[in-house]
Amino acid sequence: MAAADDEITYTLPSMLELAYHAFSREERKWFDGLEVLPVDLQVCCESIFKIIKFNSHADRFQPCNIT
């Protein structure tokens, strides 16, 4: 058993990598053949969270209103 002051860190795969591996082997081959630019999804997600936070504080974002 590890002591309380020991730190154990784990490396988790990105959401994009997890989604990729959820596809079948044939589907992954199709995706591998696509010519796309690399995308940093972390920057994208951080931007979305900032927009949601800003709009929530400005009373312009109503996440629970479904019409």
PDB file of N, CA and C in Angstrom:
ATOM      1  N   MET A   1       0.845  -1.187   0.000  1.00  0.00           N
ATOM      2  CA  MET A   1       0.000   0.000   0.000  1.00  0.00           C
ATOM      3  C   MET A   1       0.882   1.239   0.000  1.00  0.00           C
ATOM      4  N   ALA A   2       0.564   2.224  -0.822  1.00  0.00           N
ATOM      5  CA  ALA A   2       1.356   3.434  -0.955  1.00  0.00           C
ATOM      6  C   ALA A   2       1.118   4.359   0.225  1.00  0.00           C
ATOM      7  N   ALA A   3       2.149   5.093   0.585  1.00  0.00           N
ATOM      8  CA  ALA A   3       2.020   6.081   1.654  1.00  0.00           C
ATOM      9  C   ALA A   3       1.154   7.231   1.177  1.00  0.00           C
ATOM     10  N   ALA A   4       0.593   7.956   2.148  1.00  0.00           N
ATOM     11  CA  ALA A   4      -0.326   9.047   1.818  1.00  0.00           C
ATOM     12  C   ALA A   4       0.347  10.147   1.015  1.00  0.00           C
ATOM     13  N   ASP A   5       1.659  10.337   1.194  1.00  0.00           N
ATOM     14  CA  ASP A   5       2.329  11.430   0.483  1.00  0.00           C
ATOM     15  C   ASP A   5       2.866  11.012  -0.882  1.00  0.00           C
ATOM     16  N   ASP A   6       2.728   9.736  -1.245  1.00  0.00           N
ATOM     17  CA  ASP A   6       3.128   9.279  -2.578  1.00  0.00           C
ATOM     18  C   ASP A   6       2.109   9.764  -3.604  1.00  0.00           C
ATOM     19  N   GLU A   7       2.606  10.214  -4.741  1.00  0.00           N
ATOM     20  CA  GLU A   7       1.709  10.638  -5.808  1.00  0.00           C
ATOM     21  C   GLU A   7       1.818   9.672  -6.962  1.00  0.00           C
ATOM     22  N   ILE A   8       0.687   9.219  -7.425  1.00  0.00           N
ATOM     23  CA  ILE A   8       0.639   8.341  -8.584  1.00  0.00           C
ATOM     24  C   ILE A   8      -0.076   9.102  -9.686  1.00  0.00           C
ATOM     25  N   THR A   9       0.548   9.197 -10.839  1.00  0.00           N
ATOM     26  CA  THR A   9      -0.077   9.891 -11.958  1.00  0.00           C
ATOM     27  C   THR A   9      -0.343   8.893 -13.072  1.00  0.00           C
ATOM     28  N   TYR A  10      -1.397   9.146 -13.803  1.00  0.00           N
ATOM     29  CA  TYR A  10      -1.789   8.299 -14.910  1.00  0.00           C
ATOM     30  C   TYR A  10      -1.958   9.170 -16.138  1.00  0.00           C
ATOM     31  N   THR A  11      -1.612   8.649 -17.280  1.00  0.00           N
ATOM     32  CA  THR A  11      -1.814   9.356 -18.532  1.00  0.00           C
ATOM     33  C   THR A  11      -3.045   8.777 -19.202  1.00  0.00           C
ATOM     34  N   LEU A  12      -4.013   9.629 -19.476  1.00  0.00           N
ATOM     35  CA  LEU A  12      -5.243   9.210 -20.136  1.00  0.00           C
ATOM     36  C   LEU A  12      -5.213   9.629 -21.598  1.00  0.00           C
ATOM     37  N   PRO A  13      -5.769   8.829 -22.474  1.00  0.00           N
ATOM     38  CA  PRO A  13      -5.842   9.234 -23.880  1.00  0.00           C
ATOM     39  C   PRO A  13      -6.820  10.397 -24.053  1.00  0.00           C
ATOM     40  N   SER A  14      -6.623  11.156 -25.098  1.00  0.00           N
ATOM     41  CA  SER A  14      -7.521  12.282 -25.374  1.00  0.00           C
ATOM     42  C   SER A  14      -8.890  11.768 -25.800  1.00  0.00           C
ATOM     43  N   MET A  15      -9.883  12.631 -25.722  1.00  0.00           N
ATOM     44  CA  MET A  15     -11.236  12.262 -26.151  1.00  0.00           C
ATOM     45  C   MET A  15     -11.242  11.903 -27.633  1.00  0.00           C
ATOM     46  N   LEU A  16     -10.447  12.608 -28.414  1.00  0.00           N
ATOM     47  CA  LEU A  16     -10.361  12.320 -29.846  1.00  0.00           C
ATOM     48  C   LEU A  16      -9.800  10.918 -30.076  1.00  0.00           C
ATOM     49  N   GLU A  17      -8.777  10.564 -29.323  1.00  0.00           N
ATOM     50  CA  GLU A  17      -8.183   9.235 -29.462  1.00  0.00           C
ATOM     51  C   GLU A  17      -9.163   8.144 -29.021  1.00  0.00           C
ATOM     52  N   LEU A  18      -9.897   8.388 -27.935  1.00  0.00           N
ATOM     53  CA  LEU A  18     -10.894   7.425 -27.483  1.00  0.00           C
ATOM     54  C   LEU A  18     -11.990   7.233 -28.529  1.00  0.00           C
ATOM     55  N   ALA A  19     -12.437   8.349 -29.116  1.00  0.00           N
ATOM     56  CA  ALA A  19     -13.479   8.269 -30.146  1.00  0.00           C
ATOM     57  C   ALA A  19     -12.969   7.491 -31.359  1.00  0.00           C
ATOM     58  N   TYR A  20     -11.733   7.751 -31.754  1.00  0.00           N
ATOM     59  CA  TYR A  20     -11.137   7.055 -32.897  1.00  0.00           C
ATOM     60  C   TYR A  20     -11.138   5.546 -32.665  1.00  0.00           C
ATOM     61  N   HIS A  21     -10.749   5.130 -31.472  1.00  0.00           N
ATOM     62  CA  HIS A  21     -10.661   3.695 -31.189  1.00  0.00           C
ATOM     63  C   HIS A  21     -12.028   3.051 -30.973  1.00  0.00           C
ATOM     64  N   ALA A  22     -13.074   3.853 -30.863  1.00  0.00           N
ATOM     65  CA  ALA A  22     -14.425   3.302 -30.745  1.00  0.00           C
ATOM     66  C   ALA A  22     -14.923   2.796 -32.099  1.00  0.00           C
ATOM     67  N   PHE A  23     -14.297   3.247 -33.193  1.00  0.00           N
ATOM     68  CA  PHE A  23     -14.677   2.802 -34.524  1.00  0.00           C
ATOM     69  C   PHE A  23     -14.108   1.417 -34.807  1.00  0.00           C
ATOM     70  N   SER A  24     -14.701   0.757 -35.770  1.00  0.00           N
ATOM     71  CA  SER A  24     -14.187  -0.556 -36.182  1.00  0.00           C
ATOM     72  C   SER A  24     -12.869  -0.361 -36.936  1.00  0.00           C
ATOM     73  N   ARG A  25     -12.155  -1.458 -37.129  1.00  0.00           N
ATOM     74  CA  ARG A  25     -10.874  -1.407 -37.831  1.00  0.00           C
ATOM     75  C   ARG A  25     -11.060  -0.875 -39.259  1.00  0.00           C
ATOM     76  N   GLU A  26     -12.135  -1.282 -39.928  1.00  0.00           N
ATOM     77  CA  GLU A  26     -12.407  -0.818 -41.294  1.00  0.00           C
ATOM     78  C   GLU A  26     -12.694   0.690 -41.316  1.00  0.00           C
ATOM     79  N   GLU A  27     -13.477   1.157 -40.354  1.00  0.00           N
ATOM     80  CA  GLU A  27     -13.783   2.592 -40.287  1.00  0.00           C
ATOM     81  C   GLU A  27     -12.522   3.406 -39.999  1.00  0.00           C
ATOM     82  N   ARG A  28     -11.641   2.898 -39.159  1.00  0.00           N
ATOM     83  CA  ARG A  28     -10.389   3.607 -38.868  1.00  0.00           C
ATOM     84  C   ARG A  28      -9.517   3.704 -40.109  1.00  0.00           C
ATOM     85  N   LYS A  29      -9.528   2.666 -40.950  1.00  0.00           N
ATOM     86  CA  LYS A  29      -8.756   2.720 -42.195  1.00  0.00           C
ATOM     87  C   LYS A  29      -9.249   3.870 -43.074  1.00  0.00           C
ATOM     88  N   TRP A  30     -10.575   4.046 -43.127  1.00  0.00           N
ATOM     89  CA  TRP A  30     -11.140   5.135 -43.933  1.00  0.00           C
ATOM     90  C   TRP A  30     -10.693   6.484 -43.374  1.00  0.00           C
ATOM     91  N   PHE A  31     -10.753   6.658 -42.051  1.00  0.00           N
ATOM     92  CA  PHE A  31     -10.319   7.914 -41.435  1.00  0.00           C
ATOM     93  C   PHE A  31      -8.830   8.147 -41.637  1.00  0.00           C
ATOM     94  N   ASP A  32      -8.037   7.096 -41.563  1.00  0.00           N
ATOM     95  CA  ASP A  32      -6.594   7.224 -41.761  1.00  0.00           C
ATOM     96  C   ASP A  32      -6.256   7.725 -43.159  1.00  0.00           C
ATOM     97  N   GLY A  33      -7.129   7.446 -44.130  1.00  0.00           N
ATOM     98  CA  GLY A  33      -6.887   7.867 -45.502  1.00  0.00           C
ATOM     99  C   GLY A  33      -7.237   9.316 -45.778  1.00  0.00           C
ATOM    100  N   LEU A  34      -7.909   9.978 -44.862  1.00  0.00           N
ATOM    101  CA  LEU A  34      -8.295  11.374 -45.067  1.00  0.00           C
ATOM    102  C   LEU A  34      -7.097  12.293 -44.908  1.00  0.00           C
ATOM    103  N   GLU A  35      -7.033  13.296 -45.755  1.00  0.00           N
ATOM    104  CA  GLU A  35      -5.972  14.293 -45.637  1.00  0.00           C
ATOM    105  C   GLU A  35      -6.549  15.508 -44.916  1.00  0.00           C
ATOM    106  N   VAL A  36      -6.227  15.631 -43.648  1.00  0.00           N
ATOM    107  CA  VAL A  36      -6.732  16.739 -42.837  1.00  0.00           C
ATOM    108  C   VAL A  36      -5.585  17.380 -42.082  1.00  0.00           C
ATOM    109  N   LEU A  37      -5.769  18.643 -41.751  1.00  0.00           N
ATOM    110  CA  LEU A  37      -4.779  19.347 -40.953  1.00  0.00           C
ATOM    111  C   LEU A  37      -4.931  18.934 -39.495  1.00  0.00           C
ATOM    112  N   PRO A  38      -3.832  18.919 -38.744  1.00  0.00           N
ATOM    113  CA  PRO A  38      -3.949  18.593 -37.320  1.00  0.00           C
ATOM    114  C   PRO A  38      -4.734  19.684 -36.593  1.00  0.00           C
ATOM    115  N   VAL A  39      -5.573  19.276 -35.659  1.00  0.00           N
ATOM    116  CA  VAL A  39      -6.417  20.207 -34.912  1.00  0.00           C
ATOM    117  C   VAL A  39      -6.153  20.022 -33.430  1.00  0.00           C
ATOM    118  N   ASP A  40      -5.949  21.136 -32.735  1.00  0.00           N
ATOM    119  CA  ASP A  40      -5.783  21.079 -31.283  1.00  0.00           C
ATOM    120  C   ASP A  40      -7.160  21.251 -30.660  1.00  0.00           C
ATOM    121  N   LEU A  41      -7.795  20.136 -30.312  1.00  0.00           N
ATOM    122  CA  LEU A  41      -9.149  20.192 -29.776  1.00  0.00           C
ATOM    123  C   LEU A  41      -9.204  20.825 -28.398  1.00  0.00           C
ATOM    124  N   GLN A  42      -8.101  20.836 -27.673  1.00  0.00           N
ATOM    125  CA  GLN A  42      -8.100  21.447 -26.352  1.00  0.00           C
ATOM    126  C   GLN A  42      -8.390  22.941 -26.480  1.00  0.00           C
ATOM    127  N   VAL A  43      -7.791  23.602 -27.451  1.00  0.00           N
ATOM    128  CA  VAL A  43      -8.037  25.030 -27.669  1.00  0.00           C
ATOM    129  C   VAL A  43      -9.498  25.247 -28.034  1.00  0.00           C
ATOM    130  N   CYS A  44     -10.045  24.389 -28.871  1.00  0.00           N
ATOM    131  CA  CYS A  44     -11.447  24.498 -29.280  1.00  0.00           C
ATOM    132  C   CYS A  44     -12.369  24.356 -28.072  1.00  0.00           C
ATOM    133  N   CYS A  45     -12.148  23.325 -27.269  1.00  0.00           N
ATOM    134  CA  CYS A  45     -13.009  23.088 -26.101  1.00  0.00           C
ATOM    135  C   CYS A  45     -12.906  24.226 -25.096  1.00  0.00           C
ATOM    136  N   GLU A  46     -11.694  24.725 -24.865  1.00  0.00           N
ATOM    137  CA  GLU A  46     -11.529  25.842 -23.937  1.00  0.00           C
ATOM    138  C   GLU A  46     -12.291  27.067 -24.436  1.00  0.00           C
ATOM    139  N   SER A  47     -12.279  27.305 -25.736  1.00  0.00           N
ATOM    140  CA  SER A  47     -13.003  28.439 -26.304  1.00  0.00           C
ATOM    141  C   SER A  47     -14.507  28.282 -26.109  1.00  0.00           C
ATOM    142  N   ILE A  48     -15.011  27.086 -26.323  1.00  0.00           N
ATOM    143  CA  ILE A  48     -16.448  26.839 -26.133  1.00  0.00           C
ATOM    144  C   ILE A  48     -16.843  27.089 -24.682  1.00  0.00           C
ATOM    145  N   PHE A  49     -16.035  26.605 -23.736  1.00  0.00           N
ATOM    146  CA  PHE A  49     -16.341  26.828 -22.319  1.00  0.00           C
ATOM    147  C   PHE A  49     -16.316  28.310 -21.971  1.00  0.00           C
ATOM    148  N   LYS A  50     -15.380  29.058 -22.543  1.00  0.00           N
ATOM    149  CA  LYS A  50     -15.321  30.506 -22.290  1.00  0.00           C
ATOM    150  C   LYS A  50     -16.567  31.200 -22.835  1.00  0.00           C
ATOM    151  N   ILE A  51     -17.011  30.800 -24.013  1.00  0.00           N
ATOM    152  CA  ILE A  51     -18.213  31.400 -24.614  1.00  0.00           C
ATOM    153  C   ILE A  51     -19.436  31.088 -23.771  1.00  0.00           C
ATOM    154  N   ILE A  52     -19.564  29.839 -23.328  1.00  0.00           N
ATOM    155  CA  ILE A  52     -20.704  29.467 -22.484  1.00  0.00           C
ATOM    156  C   ILE A  52     -20.676  30.246 -21.175  1.00  0.00           C
ATOM    157  N   LYS A  53     -19.503  30.347 -20.563  1.00  0.00           N
ATOM    158  CA  LYS A  53     -19.377  31.086 -19.302  1.00  0.00           C
ATOM    159  C   LYS A  53     -19.731  32.551 -19.498  1.00  0.00           C
ATOM    160  N   PHE A  54     -19.207  33.172 -20.559  1.00  0.00           N
ATOM    161  CA  PHE A  54     -19.501  34.585 -20.823  1.00  0.00           C
ATOM    162  C   PHE A  54     -20.996  34.797 -21.037  1.00  0.00           C
ATOM    163  N   ASN A  55     -21.604  33.971 -21.877  1.00  0.00           N
ATOM    164  CA  ASN A  55     -23.023  34.125 -22.167  1.00  0.00           C
ATOM    165  C   ASN A  55     -23.893  33.818 -20.947  1.00  0.00           C
ATOM    166  N   SER A  56     -23.446  32.916 -20.088  1.00  0.00           N
ATOM    167  CA  SER A  56     -24.195  32.615 -18.867  1.00  0.00           C
ATOM    168  C   SER A  56     -24.200  33.808 -17.932  1.00  0.00           C
ATOM    169  N   HIS A  57     -23.049  34.447 -17.805  1.00  0.00           N
ATOM    170  CA  HIS A  57     -22.957  35.614 -16.924  1.00  0.00           C
ATOM    171  C   HIS A  57     -23.682  36.819 -17.507  1.00  0.00           C
ATOM    172  N   ALA A  58     -23.830  36.855 -18.807  1.00  0.00           N
ATOM    173  CA  ALA A  58     -24.511  37.979 -19.464  1.00  0.00           C
ATOM    174  C   ALA A  58     -26.008  37.700 -19.621  1.00  0.00           C
ATOM    175  N   ASP A  59     -26.495  36.596 -19.023  1.00  0.00           N
ATOM    176  CA  ASP A  59     -27.910  36.201 -19.109  1.00  0.00           C
ATOM    177  C   ASP A  59     -28.382  36.002 -20.544  1.00  0.00           C
ATOM    178  N   ARG A  60     -27.475  35.577 -21.415  1.00  0.00           N
ATOM    179  CA  ARG A  60     -27.846  35.325 -22.807  1.00  0.00           C
ATOM    180  C   ARG A  60     -27.833  33.847 -23.144  1.00  0.00           C
ATOM    181  N   PHE A  61     -27.447  33.033 -22.192  1.00  0.00           N
ATOM    182  CA  PHE A  61     -27.349  31.596 -22.451  1.00  0.00           C
ATOM    183  C   PHE A  61     -28.294  30.866 -21.520  1.00  0.00           C
ATOM    184  N   GLN A  62     -29.257  30.176 -22.088  1.00  0.00           N
ATOM    185  CA  GLN A  62     -30.237  29.426 -21.310  1.00  0.00           C
ATOM    186  C   GLN A  62     -30.109  27.954 -21.688  1.00  0.00           C
ATOM    187  N   PRO A  63     -29.191  27.214 -21.033  1.00  0.00           N
ATOM    188  CA  PRO A  63     -28.942  25.828 -21.440  1.00  0.00           C
ATOM    189  C   PRO A  63     -30.105  24.880 -21.228  1.00  0.00           C
ATOM    190  N   CYS A  64     -31.070  25.226 -20.375  1.00  0.00           N
ATOM    191  CA  CYS A  64     -32.167  24.310 -20.078  1.00  0.00           C
ATOM    192  C   CYS A  64     -33.427  24.586 -20.893  1.00  0.00           C
ATOM    193  N   ASN A  65     -33.426  25.633 -21.686  1.00  0.00           N
ATOM    194  CA  ASN A  65     -34.603  25.959 -22.492  1.00  0.00           C
ATOM    195  C   ASN A  65     -34.581  25.177 -23.796  1.00  0.00           C
ATOM    196  N   ILE A  66     -35.498  24.241 -23.922  1.00  0.00           N
ATOM    197  CA  ILE A  66     -35.615  23.449 -25.149  1.00  0.00           C
ATOM    198  C   ILE A  66     -36.963  23.774 -25.781  1.00  0.00           C
ATOM    199  N   THR A  67     -36.936  24.214 -27.020  1.00  0.00           N
ATOM    200  CA  THR A  67     -38.208  24.564 -27.693  1.00  0.00           C
ATOM    201  C   THR A  67     -38.491  23.620 -28.814  1.00  0.00           C
TER     202      THR A  67
END
